[in-house]
C-alpha atoms as a PDB file:
ATOM      1  CA  MET A   1       2.132 -50.601 -77.142  1.00  0.00           C
ATOM      2  CA  GLN A   2       4.768 -51.136 -74.253  1.00  0.00           C
ATOM      3  CA  SER A   3       8.512 -50.404 -74.241  1.00  0.00           C
ATOM      4  CA  HIS A   4      10.926 -52.033 -71.267  1.00  0.00           C
ATOM      5  CA  VAL A   5      12.992 -48.691 -70.286  1.00  0.00           C
ATOM      6  CA  SER A   6      15.538 -47.897 -67.755  1.00  0.00           C
ATOM      7  CA  THR A   7      17.159 -44.416 -68.031  1.00  0.00           C
ATOM      8  CA  ILE A   8      15.499 -41.294 -67.775  1.00  0.00           C
ATOM      9  CA  LYS A   9      17.265 -40.738 -71.675  1.00  0.00           C
ATOM     10  CA  GLU A  10      14.920 -43.642 -72.767  1.00  0.00           C
ATOM     11  CA  ILE A  11      12.123 -41.780 -71.503  1.00  0.00           C
ATOM     12  CA  GLY A  12      12.490 -38.962 -72.696  1.00  0.00           C
ATOM     13  CA  GLU A  13      13.673 -40.073 -76.276  1.00  0.00           C
ATOM     14  CA  LEU A  14      10.471 -41.924 -76.068  1.00  0.00           C
ATOM     15  CA  LEU A  15       8.282 -38.791 -75.177  1.00  0.00           C
ATOM     16  CA  ARG A  16       9.769 -36.863 -77.584  1.00  0.00           C
ATOM     17  CA  GLU A  17       8.492 -39.239 -80.057  1.00  0.00           C
ATOM     18  CA  VAL A  18       4.893 -39.281 -78.891  1.00  0.00           C
ATOM     19  CA  ARG A  19       5.075 -35.203 -78.735  1.00  0.00           C
ATOM     20  CA  LYS A  20       6.200 -34.894 -82.340  1.00  0.00           C
ATOM     21  CA  ALA A  21       4.103 -37.832 -83.907  1.00  0.00           C
ATOM     22  CA  GLN A  22       0.390 -35.721 -81.938  1.00  0.00           C
ATOM     23  CA  GLN A  23       2.152 -32.508 -83.497  1.00  0.00           C
ATOM     24  CA  VAL A  24       2.340 -30.919 -79.344  1.00  0.00           C
ATOM     25  CA  ARG A  25       5.152 -28.412 -79.058  1.00  0.00           C
ATOM     26  CA  GLN A  26       7.685 -28.190 -76.299  1.00  0.00           C
ATOM     27  CA  ASP A  27       6.672 -25.284 -75.561  1.00  0.00           C
ATOM     28  CA  ASP A  28       3.434 -25.969 -75.963  1.00  0.00           C
ATOM     29  CA  LEU A  29       3.338 -29.398 -73.884  1.00  0.00           C
ATOM     30  CA  GLY A  30       5.003 -26.946 -70.989  1.00  0.00           C
ATOM     31  CA  ALA A  31       1.659 -25.098 -71.187  1.00  0.00           C
ATOM     32  CA  MET A  32       0.052 -27.189 -71.213  1.00  0.00           C
ATOM     33  CA  VAL A  33       0.786 -29.615 -67.639  1.00  0.00           C
ATOM     34  CA  GLY A  34       1.955 -26.463 -66.069  1.00  0.00           C
ATOM     35  CA  CYS A  35       5.740 -26.075 -66.281  1.00  0.00           C
ATOM     36  CA  SER A  36       8.950 -24.182 -68.109  1.00  0.00           C
ATOM     37  CA  HIS A  37       8.954 -25.541 -71.763  1.00  0.00           C
ATOM     38  CA  LYS A  38      12.998 -26.049 -70.414  1.00  0.00           C
ATOM     39  CA  PHE A  39      11.967 -28.937 -67.959  1.00  0.00           C
ATOM     40  CA  ILE A  40      10.928 -30.548 -70.895  1.00  0.00           C
ATOM     41  CA  VAL A  41      14.468 -30.142 -73.374  1.00  0.00           C
ATOM     42  CA  ASP A  42      15.307 -31.301 -69.957  1.00  0.00           C
ATOM     43  CA  VAL A  43      12.801 -34.347 -69.793  1.00  0.00           C
ATOM     44  CA  GLU A  44      13.168 -35.304 -73.321  1.00  0.00           C
ATOM     45  CA  LYS A  45      17.919 -34.466 -73.832  1.00  0.00           C
ATOM     46  CA  GLY A  46      17.425 -37.005 -70.051  1.00  0.00           C
ATOM     47  CA  LYS A  47      18.590 -35.014 -68.011  1.00  0.00           C
ATOM     48  CA  GLU A  48      19.314 -37.512 -65.041  1.00  0.00           C
ATOM     49  CA  THR A  49      17.584 -34.669 -61.708  1.00  0.00           C
ATOM     50  CA  ILE A  50      14.191 -33.755 -63.223  1.00  0.00           C
ATOM     51  CA  GLN A  51      11.208 -33.889 -60.513  1.00  0.00           C
ATOM     52  CA  ALA A  52       9.491 -36.791 -61.061  1.00  0.00           C
ATOM     53  CA  GLY A  53       6.491 -35.835 -59.983  1.00  0.00           C
ATOM     54  CA  LEU A  54       6.296 -33.638 -63.184  1.00  0.00           C
ATOM     55  CA  LEU A  55       7.316 -35.567 -65.140  1.00  0.00           C
ATOM     56  CA  LEU A  56       4.701 -38.152 -65.150  1.00  0.00           C
ATOM     57  CA  LYS A  57       2.218 -34.991 -64.586  1.00  0.00           C
ATOM     58  CA  VAL A  58       4.028 -34.429 -68.868  1.00  0.00           C
ATOM     59  CA  LEU A  59       3.602 -38.859 -69.203  1.00  0.00           C
ATOM     60  CA  ASP A  60       0.225 -38.104 -68.534  1.00  0.00           C
ATOM     61  CA  GLU A  61      -0.439 -34.850 -70.557  1.00  0.00           C
ATOM     62  CA  LEU A  62       0.830 -37.259 -73.537  1.00  0.00           C
ATOM     63  CA  GLY A  63      -1.747 -40.276 -72.943  1.00  0.00           C
ATOM     64  CA  ILE A  64       1.585 -42.655 -72.047  1.00  0.00           C
ATOM     65  CA  LYS A  65       0.691 -44.557 -68.900  1.00  0.00           C
ATOM     66  CA  VAL A  66       3.755 -45.231 -66.504  1.00  0.00           C
ATOM     67  CA  ILE A  67       2.745 -49.435 -65.414  1.00  0.00           C
ATOM     68  CA  LEU A  68       5.318 -50.568 -62.434  1.00  0.00           C
ATOM     69  CA  ASP A  69       5.682 -54.742 -62.914  1.00  0.00           C
ATOM     70  CA  LEU A  70       6.490 -55.904 -59.539  1.00  0.00           C
ATOM     71  CA  PRO A  71       8.705 -59.406 -59.208  1.00  0.00           C
ATOM     72  CA  GLU A  72       6.477 -61.983 -57.223  1.00  0.00           C
ATOM     73  CA  THR A  73       8.436 -61.588 -54.051  1.00  0.00           C
ATOM     74  CA  ASN A  74       7.680 -58.033 -52.752  1.00  0.00           C
ATOM     75  CA  HIS A  75       3.390 -58.242 -52.039  1.00  0.00           C
ATOM     76  CA  VAL A  76       2.765 -54.566 -51.179  1.00  0.00           C
ATOM     77  CA  ASP A  77      -0.253 -54.525 -48.606  1.00  0.00           C
END
């Protein structure tokens, strides 16, 4: 399933849904990726100043893929 997101709050809400569906506790998820329980809480609440690299690790741990859909006019070589 794909979902368009444009805010950290939307990412946090989806992350929480996936985490709960997998029956993973916040503190256990934090331990799995090497971050604090508070970081997971902050992400799920949509805190705007979270660390992007750590967020990507959390998403990866839950099997959530991040795909960037670049506009046709921007070519990256």
